[in-house]
N, C-alpha and C. Protein backbone atom coordinates (compact mmCIF):
# COMPACT_ATOMS: atom_id res chain seq x y z
N UNK A 1 0.90 -1.25 -0.07
CA UNK A 1 0.06 -0.18 0.02
C UNK A 1 0.90 1.25 -0.07
N UNK A 2 2.04 1.36 0.89
CA UNK A 2 3.05 2.39 0.93
C UNK A 2 3.41 2.48 -0.88
N UNK A 3 3.78 1.45 -1.48
CA UNK A 3 4.46 1.38 -2.85
C UNK A 3 3.69 2.45 -3.70
N UNK A 4 2.00 1.94 -3.62
CA UNK A 4 1.36 2.39 -4.66
C UNK A 4 0.70 3.22 -4.17
N UNK A 5 1.10 4.10 -3.09
CA UNK A 5 0.61 5.35 -2.37
C UNK A 5 -1.01 5.55 -1.89
N UNK A 6 -1.41 4.01 -1.56
CA UNK A 6 -2.45 3.89 -1.13
C UNK A 6 -2.60 4.62 0.51
N UNK A 7 -1.49 4.77 1.12
CA UNK A 7 -1.23 5.27 2.42
C UNK A 7 -0.26 5.87 2.28
N UNK A 8 0.05 6.81 2.93
CA UNK A 8 1.20 7.67 3.07
C UNK A 8 2.54 7.17 4.16
N UNK A 9 1.83 6.62 5.32
CA UNK A 9 3.00 6.31 6.31
C UNK A 9 2.32 5.36 7.23
N UNK A 10 3.12 4.34 8.08
CA UNK A 10 2.65 3.20 8.78
C UNK A 10 3.82 3.24 9.91
N UNK A 11 3.78 2.32 10.76
CA UNK A 11 4.57 2.35 11.76
C UNK A 11 4.98 1.13 11.90
N UNK A 12 6.73 0.90 12.36
CA UNK A 12 6.86 -0.43 12.22
C UNK A 12 7.24 -0.94 13.57
N UNK A 13 6.32 -2.12 13.68
CA UNK A 13 6.71 -2.95 14.94
C UNK A 13 6.64 -4.22 14.60
N UNK A 14 7.79 -4.95 15.20
CA UNK A 14 8.36 -6.17 14.97
C UNK A 14 8.46 -7.04 16.04
N UNK A 15 8.05 -8.39 16.05
CA UNK A 15 8.20 -9.10 17.04
C UNK A 15 9.38 -9.35 17.31
N UNK A 16 10.22 -9.50 16.73
CA UNK A 16 11.64 -9.63 16.62
C UNK A 16 12.22 -8.40 17.62
N UNK A 17 11.84 -7.24 17.16
CA UNK A 17 12.34 -5.96 17.91
C UNK A 17 11.92 -5.99 19.17
N UNK A 18 10.68 -6.31 19.30
CA UNK A 18 10.05 -6.41 20.78
C UNK A 18 10.61 -7.44 21.62
N UNK A 19 11.07 -8.83 21.24
CA UNK A 19 11.50 -9.61 22.22
C UNK A 19 12.97 -9.22 22.01
N UNK A 20 13.80 -8.70 21.34
CA UNK A 20 15.19 -8.28 21.56
C UNK A 20 15.17 -7.21 22.86
N UNK A 21 14.11 -6.30 22.91
CA UNK A 21 14.39 -5.29 24.11
C UNK A 21 13.90 -6.14 24.97
N UNK A 22 12.80 -7.16 25.01
CA UNK A 22 12.72 -7.62 26.51
C UNK A 22 13.58 -8.55 27.12
N UNK A 23 14.25 -9.25 26.23
CA UNK A 23 15.60 -10.01 26.49
C UNK A 23 16.58 -9.17 27.22
N UNK A 24 16.88 -8.45 26.54
CA UNK A 24 17.93 -7.42 26.79
C UNK A 24 17.57 -7.05 28.39
N UNK A 25 16.32 -6.33 28.35
CA UNK A 25 15.75 -5.71 29.64
C UNK A 25 16.19 -7.09 30.84
N UNK A 26 15.71 -8.15 30.40
CA UNK A 26 15.64 -9.37 31.48
C UNK A 26 17.11 -9.89 31.75
N UNK A 27 17.86 -9.69 30.58
CA UNK A 27 19.37 -9.66 31.17
C UNK A 27 20.07 -8.75 31.99
N UNK A 28 19.45 -7.45 32.07
CA UNK A 28 20.30 -6.52 32.69
C UNK A 28 19.41 -6.53 34.05
N UNK A 29 18.20 -6.80 34.19
CA UNK A 29 17.66 -7.54 35.57
C UNK A 29 18.50 -8.72 36.34
N UNK A 30 18.56 -9.69 35.66
CA UNK A 30 19.72 -10.83 36.06
C UNK A 30 21.03 -10.46 36.44
N UNK A 31 21.44 -9.52 35.81
CA UNK A 31 22.75 -8.98 36.09
C UNK A 31 22.72 -8.15 37.25
N UNK A 32 21.59 -7.60 37.91
CA UNK A 32 21.63 -6.66 38.90
C UNK A 32 21.68 -5.42 38.64
N UNK A 33 21.57 -5.02 37.29
CA UNK A 33 21.45 -3.66 36.96
C UNK A 33 20.03 -3.07 37.11
N UNK A 34 20.15 -1.67 37.52
CA UNK A 34 18.65 -0.86 37.54
C UNK A 34 18.16 -0.98 36.33
N UNK A 35 16.84 -1.21 35.99
CA UNK A 35 16.24 -1.09 34.93
C UNK A 35 14.76 -0.05 35.14
N UNK A 36 14.31 0.84 34.39
CA UNK A 36 13.53 1.65 34.41
C UNK A 36 11.93 1.03 34.82
N UNK A 37 10.89 1.55 35.41
CA UNK A 37 9.83 0.63 35.67
C UNK A 37 9.19 0.63 34.50
N UNK A 38 9.05 1.39 33.50
CA UNK A 38 8.46 1.37 32.34
C UNK A 38 9.11 1.75 31.46
N UNK A 39 9.28 1.01 30.20
CA UNK A 39 10.21 1.24 28.96
C UNK A 39 9.24 1.10 27.60
N UNK A 40 9.38 2.21 27.17
CA UNK A 40 8.48 2.45 25.71
C UNK A 40 9.48 2.29 24.52
N UNK A 41 8.94 1.44 23.72
CA UNK A 41 9.55 0.93 22.55
C UNK A 41 9.33 2.12 21.28
N UNK A 42 10.26 2.45 20.69
CA UNK A 42 9.98 3.53 19.81
C UNK A 42 9.13 2.89 18.29
N UNK A 43 8.49 3.50 17.91
CA UNK A 43 7.71 2.93 16.93
C UNK A 43 8.27 4.01 15.66
N UNK A 44 8.89 3.39 14.90
CA UNK A 44 9.56 3.92 13.56
C UNK A 44 8.48 4.43 12.46
N UNK A 45 8.50 5.29 11.71
CA UNK A 45 7.64 5.76 11.03
C UNK A 45 7.80 5.21 9.67
N UNK A 46 7.26 4.60 8.79
CA UNK A 46 7.85 4.20 7.56
C UNK A 46 6.84 4.62 6.52
N UNK A 47 7.61 4.87 5.49
CA UNK A 47 7.06 5.75 4.29
C UNK A 47 7.65 5.37 2.88
N UNK A 48 7.11 5.57 2.07
CA UNK A 48 7.35 5.08 0.69
C UNK A 48 8.91 5.36 0.45
N UNK A 49 9.38 6.48 1.29
CA UNK A 49 10.79 7.00 0.81
C UNK A 49 11.96 6.07 1.77
N UNK A 50 11.51 5.53 2.80
CA UNK A 50 12.25 4.73 3.39
C UNK A 50 11.85 3.17 3.55
N UNK A 51 10.81 2.73 2.88
CA UNK A 51 10.25 1.37 2.86
C UNK A 51 11.33 0.30 2.65
N UNK A 52 12.52 0.55 1.86
CA UNK A 52 13.27 -0.42 1.57
C UNK A 52 14.05 -0.60 2.91
N UNK A 53 14.08 0.28 4.02
CA UNK A 53 14.91 -0.12 5.27
C UNK A 53 14.11 -1.01 6.35
N UNK A 54 13.12 -1.39 5.70
CA UNK A 54 12.32 -2.48 6.54
C UNK A 54 11.70 -3.37 5.74
N UNK A 55 12.27 -4.73 6.07
CA UNK A 55 11.60 -5.87 5.43
C UNK A 55 11.09 -6.78 6.50
N UNK A 56 10.16 -7.47 5.76
CA UNK A 56 9.14 -8.32 6.50
C UNK A 56 9.95 -9.35 7.52
N UNK A 57 11.00 -9.79 7.20
CA UNK A 57 11.63 -10.63 7.76
C UNK A 57 12.72 -10.17 8.54
N UNK A 58 12.90 -8.93 8.32
CA UNK A 58 14.28 -8.35 9.16
C UNK A 58 13.80 -8.38 10.62
N UNK A 59 14.83 -7.96 11.49
CA UNK A 59 14.64 -7.92 12.79
C UNK A 59 15.01 -6.36 13.25
N UNK A 60 15.99 -5.79 13.19
CA UNK A 60 16.06 -4.70 13.72
C UNK A 60 16.52 -3.67 11.93
N UNK A 61 15.74 -2.63 12.01
CA UNK A 61 16.30 -1.81 10.88
C UNK A 61 17.55 -1.06 11.28
N UNK A 62 18.16 -0.65 10.60
CA UNK A 62 19.50 0.11 10.86
C UNK A 62 19.17 1.51 11.60
N UNK A 63 19.99 1.83 12.44
CA UNK A 63 19.79 3.21 12.97
C UNK A 63 18.52 3.10 13.98
N UNK A 64 17.76 2.51 14.38
CA UNK A 64 16.61 2.55 15.03
C UNK A 64 16.59 1.68 16.81
N UNK A 65 17.48 1.01 16.69
CA UNK A 65 17.81 0.30 17.91
C UNK A 65 19.15 -0.45 18.21
N UNK A 66 19.87 -0.71 19.31
CA UNK A 66 21.21 -1.16 19.49
C UNK A 66 20.50 -2.78 19.39
N UNK A 67 21.40 -3.37 18.98
CA UNK A 67 21.18 -4.82 18.88
C UNK A 67 21.51 -5.46 20.38
N UNK A 68 21.11 -6.64 20.64
CA UNK A 68 20.96 -7.24 21.82
C UNK A 68 22.35 -7.65 22.08
N UNK A 69 22.96 -7.60 23.41
CA UNK A 69 24.05 -8.04 23.70
C UNK A 69 24.12 -9.08 24.83
N UNK A 70 24.76 -10.18 25.13
CA UNK A 70 24.65 -11.21 25.71
C UNK A 70 26.07 -10.98 27.03
């Protein structure tokens, strides 16, 4: 729909992105680090101009989040 201009914008939300954030937070808790009581996930705005940065099977788009570290 973005490609044919039926819509102008949407938001990127990925189960992989969400789970990476959750697991990173869990590892921080297990390591005894302080974590905020609430953590908001950024939602990247996707348009026709940046659609190629977001793939259906991709995990983290470049520049939108740090990869999980173990």
